[in-house]
Amino acid sequence: MGVFRKATSLMTIGLVDFRSDKERIARNTKRTGKELKKQTKLMKEAKKRGK
């Protein structure tokens, strides 16, 4: 995935973004989903405890 982009980024010392927009969006979407699952789990546990 984007080997050329990553190599160019390293050679230009960061002038070219290491990740493409698509990679960045996919990564953030994945993180958001994980955080929502954690939050939902914590809310369910708190509800069971009666808080």
N, C-alpha and C. Protein backbone atom coordinates (compact mmCIF):
# COMPACT_ATOMS: atom_id res chain seq x y z
N MET A 1 0.83 -1.20 0.00
CA MET A 1 0.00 0.00 0.00
C MET A 1 0.86 1.25 0.00
N GLY A 2 0.92 1.90 -1.11
CA GLY A 2 1.60 3.18 -1.15
C GLY A 2 3.08 3.11 -0.86
N VAL A 3 3.74 2.05 -1.32
CA VAL A 3 5.17 1.90 -1.06
C VAL A 3 5.93 3.08 -1.63
N PHE A 4 5.54 3.51 -2.82
CA PHE A 4 6.22 4.65 -3.46
C PHE A 4 6.05 5.90 -2.61
N ARG A 5 4.84 6.14 -2.11
CA ARG A 5 4.56 7.32 -1.28
C ARG A 5 5.41 7.28 -0.01
N LYS A 6 5.47 6.13 0.63
CA LYS A 6 6.21 6.00 1.88
C LYS A 6 7.71 6.20 1.65
N ALA A 7 8.22 5.64 0.56
CA ALA A 7 9.64 5.81 0.23
C ALA A 7 9.94 7.28 -0.07
N THR A 8 9.05 7.93 -0.82
CA THR A 8 9.23 9.34 -1.15
C THR A 8 9.19 10.19 0.11
N SER A 9 8.29 9.85 1.03
CA SER A 9 8.19 10.58 2.28
C SER A 9 9.50 10.49 3.06
N LEU A 10 10.06 9.30 3.12
CA LEU A 10 11.32 9.12 3.85
C LEU A 10 12.47 9.86 3.17
N MET A 11 12.50 9.82 1.84
CA MET A 11 13.59 10.47 1.10
C MET A 11 13.51 11.99 1.16
N THR A 12 12.31 12.54 1.23
CA THR A 12 12.15 13.99 1.24
C THR A 12 12.03 14.54 2.66
N ILE A 13 12.29 13.71 3.63
CA ILE A 13 12.25 14.09 5.05
C ILE A 13 10.89 14.71 5.42
N GLY A 14 9.82 14.07 4.95
CA GLY A 14 8.49 14.48 5.37
C GLY A 14 7.80 15.52 4.52
N LEU A 15 8.40 15.95 3.41
CA LEU A 15 7.72 16.92 2.55
C LEU A 15 6.48 16.31 1.90
N VAL A 16 6.54 15.00 1.65
CA VAL A 16 5.38 14.27 1.13
C VAL A 16 4.78 13.52 2.30
N ASP A 17 3.45 13.57 2.45
CA ASP A 17 2.80 12.88 3.55
C ASP A 17 3.09 11.39 3.49
N PHE A 18 3.32 10.79 4.67
CA PHE A 18 3.61 9.37 4.76
C PHE A 18 2.38 8.54 4.40
N ARG A 19 1.20 9.00 4.82
CA ARG A 19 -0.05 8.28 4.54
C ARG A 19 -0.92 9.09 3.59
N SER A 20 -1.61 8.38 2.72
CA SER A 20 -2.55 9.05 1.81
C SER A 20 -3.81 9.41 2.59
N ASP A 21 -4.65 10.22 1.98
CA ASP A 21 -5.90 10.62 2.62
C ASP A 21 -6.78 9.40 2.90
N LYS A 22 -6.82 8.47 1.97
CA LYS A 22 -7.64 7.26 2.14
C LYS A 22 -7.14 6.44 3.33
N GLU A 23 -5.83 6.28 3.45
CA GLU A 23 -5.26 5.53 4.57
C GLU A 23 -5.57 6.23 5.90
N ARG A 24 -5.44 7.54 5.91
CA ARG A 24 -5.68 8.32 7.12
C ARG A 24 -7.14 8.21 7.56
N ILE A 25 -8.06 8.31 6.62
CA ILE A 25 -9.49 8.21 6.93
C ILE A 25 -9.82 6.82 7.44
N ALA A 26 -9.31 5.79 6.78
CA ALA A 26 -9.59 4.41 7.20
C ALA A 26 -9.06 4.16 8.61
N ARG A 27 -7.87 4.67 8.89
CA ARG A 27 -7.26 4.49 10.21
C ARG A 27 -8.09 5.17 11.30
N ASN A 28 -8.51 6.39 11.04
CA ASN A 28 -9.30 7.13 12.02
C ASN A 28 -10.68 6.51 12.23
N THR A 29 -11.27 6.00 11.16
CA THR A 29 -12.58 5.35 11.26
C THR A 29 -12.48 4.11 12.12
N LYS A 30 -11.42 3.36 11.93
CA LYS A 30 -11.20 2.14 12.71
C LYS A 30 -11.03 2.48 14.19
N ARG A 31 -10.24 3.50 14.47
CA ARG A 31 -10.03 3.92 15.86
C ARG A 31 -11.32 4.39 16.51
N THR A 32 -12.12 5.15 15.77
CA THR A 32 -13.38 5.66 16.30
C THR A 32 -14.32 4.51 16.65
N GLY A 33 -14.38 3.51 15.80
CA GLY A 33 -15.22 2.35 16.05
C GLY A 33 -14.81 1.62 17.32
N LYS A 34 -13.51 1.46 17.50
CA LYS A 34 -13.01 0.78 18.71
C LYS A 34 -13.37 1.57 19.96
N GLU A 35 -13.21 2.88 19.89
CA GLU A 35 -13.52 3.73 21.05
C GLU A 35 -15.01 3.70 21.39
N LEU A 36 -15.85 3.67 20.37
CA LEU A 36 -17.30 3.59 20.60
C LEU A 36 -17.67 2.28 21.28
N LYS A 37 -17.04 1.19 20.86
CA LYS A 37 -17.30 -0.10 21.48
C LYS A 37 -16.89 -0.09 22.95
N LYS A 38 -15.73 0.49 23.24
CA LYS A 38 -15.27 0.59 24.64
C LYS A 38 -16.24 1.41 25.47
N GLN A 39 -16.66 2.53 24.93
CA GLN A 39 -17.56 3.44 25.65
C GLN A 39 -18.90 2.76 25.92
N THR A 40 -19.42 2.05 24.93
CA THR A 40 -20.70 1.36 25.08
C THR A 40 -20.59 0.29 26.16
N LYS A 41 -19.49 -0.44 26.16
CA LYS A 41 -19.27 -1.49 27.15
C LYS A 41 -19.22 -0.88 28.56
N LEU A 42 -18.51 0.21 28.72
CA LEU A 42 -18.42 0.87 30.02
C LEU A 42 -19.77 1.39 30.49
N MET A 43 -20.56 1.93 29.57
CA MET A 43 -21.88 2.44 29.92
C MET A 43 -22.80 1.31 30.38
N LYS A 44 -22.73 0.16 29.70
CA LYS A 44 -23.54 -0.99 30.09
C LYS A 44 -23.16 -1.49 31.48
N GLU A 45 -21.86 -1.54 31.76
CA GLU A 45 -21.38 -1.98 33.07
C GLU A 45 -21.84 -1.02 34.16
N ALA A 46 -21.78 0.26 33.89
CA ALA A 46 -22.19 1.26 34.87
C ALA A 46 -23.71 1.15 35.12
N LYS A 47 -24.46 0.87 34.09
CA LYS A 47 -25.91 0.74 34.23
C LYS A 47 -26.26 -0.48 35.09
N LYS A 48 -25.49 -1.57 34.91
CA LYS A 48 -25.72 -2.78 35.69
C LYS A 48 -25.46 -2.52 37.18
N ARG A 49 -24.49 -1.69 37.46
CA ARG A 49 -24.14 -1.38 38.85
C ARG A 49 -25.12 -0.41 39.47
N GLY A 50 -25.95 0.20 38.65
CA GLY A 50 -26.97 1.12 39.14
C GLY A 50 -26.51 2.53 39.35
N LYS A 51 -25.52 2.94 38.63
CA LYS A 51 -25.00 4.32 38.78
C LYS A 51 -25.59 5.22 37.75
